[in-house]
């Protein structure tokens, strides 16, 4: 039970921080200058309106997520849940793999010492 709670907390932290890790890449100048971009990952869930550069020479451009305290942000709950679930499954699998490997190593060493 402790493992599930620890992985859940870590997954929630990664899910909330994921918009800051994943950036938007725009290669060509779009028709409108104000655009709503969705950030996050692996399933994007945080939407922000972004002012794009007006000059065509500025493209391609990489746009980063700004703090929700500084800019209006819309969080979509269902994609946020799926992002959390993806991180949870990944971290739970990795954590279980490492913990089972660590538990098996001392048993093999004890068998060699007994023989």
N, C-alpha and C. Protein backbone atom coordinates (compact mmCIF):
# COMPACT_ATOMS: atom_id res chain seq x y z
N UNK A 1 0.82 -1.19 0.00
CA UNK A 1 0.00 0.00 0.00
C UNK A 1 0.88 1.26 0.00
N UNK A 2 1.99 1.19 0.71
CA UNK A 2 2.90 2.34 0.75
C UNK A 2 3.46 2.62 -0.64
N UNK A 3 3.73 1.56 -1.39
CA UNK A 3 4.27 1.72 -2.73
C UNK A 3 3.26 2.44 -3.63
N UNK A 4 2.00 2.09 -3.54
CA UNK A 4 0.96 2.71 -4.36
C UNK A 4 0.83 4.20 -4.02
N UNK A 5 0.85 4.52 -2.74
CA UNK A 5 0.73 5.92 -2.33
C UNK A 5 1.94 6.72 -2.79
N UNK A 6 3.14 6.16 -2.63
CA UNK A 6 4.36 6.87 -3.05
C UNK A 6 4.37 7.09 -4.56
N UNK A 7 4.00 6.09 -5.32
CA UNK A 7 3.97 6.22 -6.77
C UNK A 7 2.87 7.19 -7.20
N UNK A 8 1.74 7.20 -6.50
CA UNK A 8 0.66 8.14 -6.81
C UNK A 8 1.09 9.58 -6.59
N UNK A 9 1.76 9.84 -5.49
CA UNK A 9 2.22 11.21 -5.21
C UNK A 9 3.26 11.64 -6.24
N UNK A 10 4.20 10.77 -6.55
CA UNK A 10 5.22 11.09 -7.55
C UNK A 10 4.59 11.31 -8.93
N UNK A 11 3.61 10.50 -9.29
CA UNK A 11 2.92 10.64 -10.57
C UNK A 11 2.14 11.94 -10.64
N UNK A 12 1.52 12.33 -9.55
CA UNK A 12 0.79 13.59 -9.52
C UNK A 12 1.74 14.78 -9.68
N UNK A 13 2.88 14.71 -9.03
CA UNK A 13 3.87 15.79 -9.15
C UNK A 13 4.38 15.88 -10.59
N UNK A 14 4.69 14.75 -11.21
CA UNK A 14 5.16 14.75 -12.59
C UNK A 14 4.08 15.24 -13.54
N UNK A 15 2.83 14.87 -13.29
CA UNK A 15 1.73 15.30 -14.15
C UNK A 15 1.55 16.81 -14.10
N UNK A 16 1.61 17.38 -12.92
CA UNK A 16 1.43 18.83 -12.77
C UNK A 16 2.63 19.58 -13.35
N UNK A 17 3.82 19.00 -13.28
CA UNK A 17 5.02 19.66 -13.81
C UNK A 17 5.23 19.42 -15.31
N UNK A 18 4.51 18.51 -15.90
CA UNK A 18 4.75 18.16 -17.31
C UNK A 18 4.53 19.30 -18.29
N UNK A 19 3.61 20.25 -18.09
CA UNK A 19 3.53 21.36 -19.05
C UNK A 19 4.82 22.19 -19.12
N UNK A 20 5.57 22.24 -18.05
CA UNK A 20 6.83 22.98 -18.05
C UNK A 20 7.94 22.20 -18.77
N UNK A 21 7.79 20.88 -18.90
CA UNK A 21 8.80 20.07 -19.55
C UNK A 21 8.60 19.99 -21.06
N UNK A 22 7.35 19.93 -21.50
CA UNK A 22 7.04 19.77 -22.93
C UNK A 22 6.73 21.14 -23.53
N UNK A 23 7.33 21.44 -24.67
CA UNK A 23 7.16 22.74 -25.32
C UNK A 23 6.42 22.56 -26.64
N UNK A 24 5.88 23.67 -27.17
CA UNK A 24 5.19 23.67 -28.46
C UNK A 24 6.14 24.20 -29.53
N UNK A 25 6.16 23.55 -30.65
CA UNK A 25 7.01 23.94 -31.78
C UNK A 25 6.09 24.33 -32.94
N UNK A 26 6.23 25.56 -33.42
CA UNK A 26 5.43 26.02 -34.55
C UNK A 26 6.40 26.35 -35.68
N UNK A 27 6.24 25.64 -36.80
CA UNK A 27 7.19 25.77 -37.89
C UNK A 27 6.87 26.94 -38.83
N UNK A 28 5.57 27.11 -39.17
CA UNK A 28 5.19 28.16 -40.11
C UNK A 28 4.26 29.16 -39.44
N UNK A 29 4.23 30.36 -39.97
CA UNK A 29 3.39 31.42 -39.43
C UNK A 29 1.91 31.09 -39.69
N UNK A 30 1.10 31.01 -38.61
CA UNK A 30 -0.33 30.75 -38.81
C UNK A 30 -1.06 32.03 -39.22
N UNK A 31 -2.32 31.89 -39.61
CA UNK A 31 -3.11 33.04 -40.06
C UNK A 31 -3.43 33.98 -38.91
N UNK A 32 -3.77 33.46 -37.75
CA UNK A 32 -4.09 34.32 -36.61
C UNK A 32 -2.88 34.46 -35.69
N UNK A 33 -2.74 35.62 -35.07
CA UNK A 33 -1.59 35.89 -34.22
C UNK A 33 -1.79 35.40 -32.78
N UNK A 34 -3.05 35.38 -32.32
CA UNK A 34 -3.33 34.85 -30.99
C UNK A 34 -3.85 33.43 -31.16
N UNK A 35 -3.25 32.53 -30.44
CA UNK A 35 -3.58 31.13 -30.62
C UNK A 35 -3.60 30.43 -29.27
N UNK A 36 -4.53 29.50 -29.11
CA UNK A 36 -4.59 28.69 -27.89
C UNK A 36 -3.75 27.45 -28.10
N UNK A 37 -2.73 27.30 -27.28
CA UNK A 37 -1.85 26.13 -27.36
C UNK A 37 -2.07 25.27 -26.13
N UNK A 38 -1.95 23.96 -26.32
CA UNK A 38 -2.17 23.02 -25.23
C UNK A 38 -0.82 22.41 -24.86
N UNK A 39 -0.50 22.47 -23.57
CA UNK A 39 0.77 21.97 -23.06
C UNK A 39 0.53 20.77 -22.15
N UNK A 40 1.58 20.03 -21.89
CA UNK A 40 1.52 18.88 -20.99
C UNK A 40 1.96 17.63 -21.73
N UNK A 41 2.05 16.57 -21.02
CA UNK A 41 2.42 15.35 -21.68
C UNK A 41 2.36 14.18 -20.74
N UNK A 42 2.18 13.02 -21.20
CA UNK A 42 2.07 12.58 -22.58
C UNK A 42 0.76 12.98 -23.25
N UNK A 43 -0.25 13.32 -22.49
CA UNK A 43 -1.52 13.80 -23.05
C UNK A 43 -1.68 15.25 -22.62
N UNK A 44 -1.67 16.20 -23.56
CA UNK A 44 -1.74 17.62 -23.21
C UNK A 44 -3.05 17.99 -22.50
N UNK A 45 -2.96 18.82 -21.46
CA UNK A 45 -4.14 19.15 -20.67
C UNK A 45 -4.22 20.61 -20.24
N UNK A 46 -3.17 21.40 -20.38
CA UNK A 46 -3.15 22.79 -19.92
C UNK A 46 -3.17 23.72 -21.15
N UNK A 47 -4.22 24.52 -21.25
CA UNK A 47 -4.39 25.38 -22.42
C UNK A 47 -4.12 26.84 -22.06
N UNK A 48 -3.30 27.48 -22.88
CA UNK A 48 -2.98 28.90 -22.70
C UNK A 48 -3.08 29.62 -24.04
N UNK A 49 -3.55 30.86 -23.98
CA UNK A 49 -3.56 31.70 -25.18
C UNK A 49 -2.19 32.37 -25.28
N UNK A 50 -1.61 32.28 -26.48
CA UNK A 50 -0.24 32.76 -26.69
C UNK A 50 -0.24 33.76 -27.85
N UNK A 51 0.50 34.81 -27.70
CA UNK A 51 0.71 35.80 -28.75
C UNK A 51 1.91 35.36 -29.58
N UNK A 52 1.70 35.09 -30.86
CA UNK A 52 2.77 34.60 -31.73
C UNK A 52 3.49 35.76 -32.41
N UNK A 53 4.74 35.54 -32.83
CA UNK A 53 5.49 36.60 -33.52
C UNK A 53 4.81 36.99 -34.84
N UNK A 54 4.92 38.27 -35.19
CA UNK A 54 4.27 38.75 -36.42
C UNK A 54 5.15 38.57 -37.65
N UNK A 55 6.44 38.58 -37.50
CA UNK A 55 7.35 38.45 -38.64
C UNK A 55 7.53 36.98 -39.02
N UNK A 56 7.55 36.75 -40.32
CA UNK A 56 7.71 35.39 -40.81
C UNK A 56 9.13 34.87 -40.59
N UNK A 57 10.10 35.75 -40.44
CA UNK A 57 11.49 35.34 -40.21
C UNK A 57 11.69 34.75 -38.81
N UNK A 58 10.75 35.01 -37.92
CA UNK A 58 10.87 34.51 -36.54
C UNK A 58 10.53 33.02 -36.43
N UNK A 59 10.03 32.45 -37.49
CA UNK A 59 9.63 31.04 -37.46
C UNK A 59 10.73 30.18 -38.02
N UNK A 60 10.92 28.99 -37.56
CA UNK A 60 10.18 28.24 -36.53
C UNK A 60 10.43 28.79 -35.13
N UNK A 61 9.44 28.65 -34.28
CA UNK A 61 9.51 29.18 -32.93
C UNK A 61 9.13 28.07 -31.93
N UNK A 62 9.80 28.09 -30.79
CA UNK A 62 9.49 27.16 -29.71
C UNK A 62 8.87 27.97 -28.57
N UNK A 63 7.68 27.57 -28.14
CA UNK A 63 6.96 28.31 -27.12
C UNK A 63 6.88 27.47 -25.85
N UNK A 64 7.25 28.07 -24.74
CA UNK A 64 7.24 27.39 -23.45
C UNK A 64 5.97 27.75 -22.68
N UNK A 65 5.62 26.87 -21.78
CA UNK A 65 4.48 27.08 -20.89
C UNK A 65 4.85 28.13 -19.85
N UNK A 66 3.93 29.06 -19.61
CA UNK A 66 4.16 30.07 -18.58
C UNK A 66 3.36 29.71 -17.35
N UNK A 67 3.79 30.22 -16.23
CA UNK A 67 3.15 29.91 -14.95
C UNK A 67 1.67 30.27 -14.97
N UNK A 68 0.81 29.41 -14.42
CA UNK A 68 -0.61 29.72 -14.35
C UNK A 68 -0.91 30.94 -13.48
N UNK A 69 0.03 31.31 -12.61
CA UNK A 69 -0.15 32.51 -11.80
C UNK A 69 0.04 33.77 -12.63
N UNK A 70 0.83 33.70 -13.69
CA UNK A 70 1.09 34.85 -14.54
C UNK A 70 0.13 34.96 -15.71
N UNK A 71 -0.38 33.85 -16.18
CA UNK A 71 -1.19 33.84 -17.39
C UNK A 71 -2.42 32.97 -17.17
N UNK A 72 -3.55 33.37 -17.79
CA UNK A 72 -4.77 32.57 -17.67
C UNK A 72 -4.56 31.20 -18.30
N UNK A 73 -4.88 30.18 -17.54
CA UNK A 73 -4.68 28.81 -17.98
C UNK A 73 -5.96 28.03 -17.73
N UNK A 74 -6.33 27.23 -18.71
CA UNK A 74 -7.49 26.34 -18.57
C UNK A 74 -6.96 24.92 -18.45
N UNK A 75 -7.31 24.26 -17.36
CA UNK A 75 -6.91 22.87 -17.15
C UNK A 75 -8.08 21.96 -17.51
N UNK A 76 -7.82 20.99 -18.37
CA UNK A 76 -8.83 20.02 -18.77
C UNK A 76 -8.67 18.78 -17.88
N UNK A 77 -9.70 18.44 -17.08
CA UNK A 77 -9.53 17.38 -16.08
C UNK A 77 -9.36 15.97 -16.64
N UNK A 78 -10.06 15.62 -17.71
CA UNK A 78 -9.95 14.25 -18.22
C UNK A 78 -8.56 13.96 -18.79
N UNK A 79 -8.00 14.83 -19.64
CA UNK A 79 -6.61 14.57 -20.08
C UNK A 79 -5.61 14.60 -18.93
N UNK A 80 -5.87 15.44 -17.92
CA UNK A 80 -4.98 15.46 -16.75
C UNK A 80 -5.02 14.11 -16.03
N UNK A 81 -6.20 13.52 -15.90
CA UNK A 81 -6.32 12.20 -15.28
C UNK A 81 -5.58 11.14 -16.09
N UNK A 82 -5.72 11.17 -17.43
CA UNK A 82 -5.04 10.19 -18.26
C UNK A 82 -3.52 10.37 -18.21
N UNK A 83 -3.06 11.61 -18.12
CA UNK A 83 -1.63 11.86 -17.96
C UNK A 83 -1.14 11.28 -16.64
N UNK A 84 -1.89 11.53 -15.57
CA UNK A 84 -1.55 10.97 -14.26
C UNK A 84 -1.52 9.44 -14.33
N UNK A 85 -2.50 8.85 -14.99
CA UNK A 85 -2.60 7.39 -15.08
C UNK A 85 -1.41 6.82 -15.87
N UNK A 86 -1.01 7.48 -16.95
CA UNK A 86 0.16 7.03 -17.73
C UNK A 86 1.43 7.06 -16.89
N UNK A 87 1.64 8.19 -16.19
CA UNK A 87 2.82 8.29 -15.33
C UNK A 87 2.76 7.26 -14.19
N UNK A 88 1.56 7.04 -13.64
CA UNK A 88 1.41 6.07 -12.56
C UNK A 88 1.80 4.68 -13.03
N UNK A 89 1.27 4.26 -14.19
CA UNK A 89 1.59 2.92 -14.69
C UNK A 89 3.08 2.77 -15.00
N UNK A 90 3.66 3.79 -15.60
CA UNK A 90 5.09 3.73 -15.92
C UNK A 90 5.94 3.64 -14.66
N UNK A 91 5.70 4.53 -13.71
CA UNK A 91 6.50 4.54 -12.48
C UNK A 91 6.26 3.30 -11.62
N UNK A 92 5.03 2.82 -11.58
CA UNK A 92 4.74 1.62 -10.80
C UNK A 92 5.46 0.41 -11.39
N UNK A 93 5.49 0.32 -12.72
CA UNK A 93 6.19 -0.79 -13.36
C UNK A 93 7.70 -0.72 -13.09
N UNK A 94 8.27 0.47 -13.23
CA UNK A 94 9.71 0.63 -13.00
C UNK A 94 10.05 0.38 -11.53
N UNK A 95 9.25 0.92 -10.63
CA UNK A 95 9.49 0.73 -9.20
C UNK A 95 9.38 -0.74 -8.81
N UNK A 96 8.38 -1.44 -9.35
CA UNK A 96 8.21 -2.87 -9.05
C UNK A 96 9.37 -3.68 -9.60
N UNK A 97 9.83 -3.33 -10.80
CA UNK A 97 10.95 -4.04 -11.40
C UNK A 97 12.21 -3.89 -10.56
N UNK A 98 12.53 -2.66 -10.16
CA UNK A 98 13.73 -2.44 -9.35
C UNK A 98 13.61 -3.07 -7.97
N UNK A 99 12.44 -2.97 -7.36
CA UNK A 99 12.31 -3.54 -6.01
C UNK A 99 12.38 -5.06 -6.04
N UNK A 100 11.84 -5.69 -7.07
CA UNK A 100 11.94 -7.15 -7.14
C UNK A 100 13.38 -7.58 -7.42
N UNK A 101 14.10 -6.81 -8.23
CA UNK A 101 15.50 -7.13 -8.50
C UNK A 101 16.35 -6.97 -7.24
N UNK A 102 16.11 -5.91 -6.48
CA UNK A 102 16.87 -5.66 -5.27
C UNK A 102 16.60 -6.74 -4.23
N UNK A 103 15.39 -7.24 -4.16
CA UNK A 103 15.06 -8.30 -3.21
C UNK A 103 15.69 -9.63 -3.60
N UNK A 104 15.91 -9.88 -4.90
CA UNK A 104 16.47 -11.15 -5.35
C UNK A 104 17.98 -11.20 -5.21
N UNK A 105 18.65 -10.08 -5.27
CA UNK A 105 20.12 -10.07 -5.22
C UNK A 105 20.64 -10.63 -3.89
N UNK A 106 20.14 -10.22 -2.74
CA UNK A 106 20.67 -10.80 -1.50
C UNK A 106 20.42 -12.30 -1.38
N UNK A 107 19.34 -12.83 -1.91
CA UNK A 107 19.07 -14.27 -1.84
C UNK A 107 20.12 -15.04 -2.62
N UNK A 108 20.52 -14.54 -3.78
CA UNK A 108 21.54 -15.23 -4.57
C UNK A 108 22.89 -15.19 -3.86
N UNK A 109 23.20 -14.10 -3.20
CA UNK A 109 24.47 -14.00 -2.47
C UNK A 109 24.47 -14.96 -1.29
N UNK A 110 23.32 -15.10 -0.61
CA UNK A 110 23.25 -16.02 0.53
C UNK A 110 23.42 -17.46 0.08
N UNK A 111 22.89 -17.82 -1.08
CA UNK A 111 23.03 -19.20 -1.60
C UNK A 111 24.50 -19.50 -1.89
N UNK A 112 25.24 -18.54 -2.42
CA UNK A 112 26.67 -18.75 -2.72
C UNK A 112 27.47 -18.90 -1.44
N UNK A 113 27.12 -18.18 -0.40
CA UNK A 113 27.84 -18.25 0.86
C UNK A 113 27.57 -19.59 1.54
N UNK A 114 26.35 -20.11 1.47
CA UNK A 114 26.00 -21.37 2.12
C UNK A 114 26.69 -22.55 1.45
N UNK A 115 26.95 -22.45 0.15
CA UNK A 115 27.57 -23.58 -0.56
C UNK A 115 29.02 -23.60 -0.33
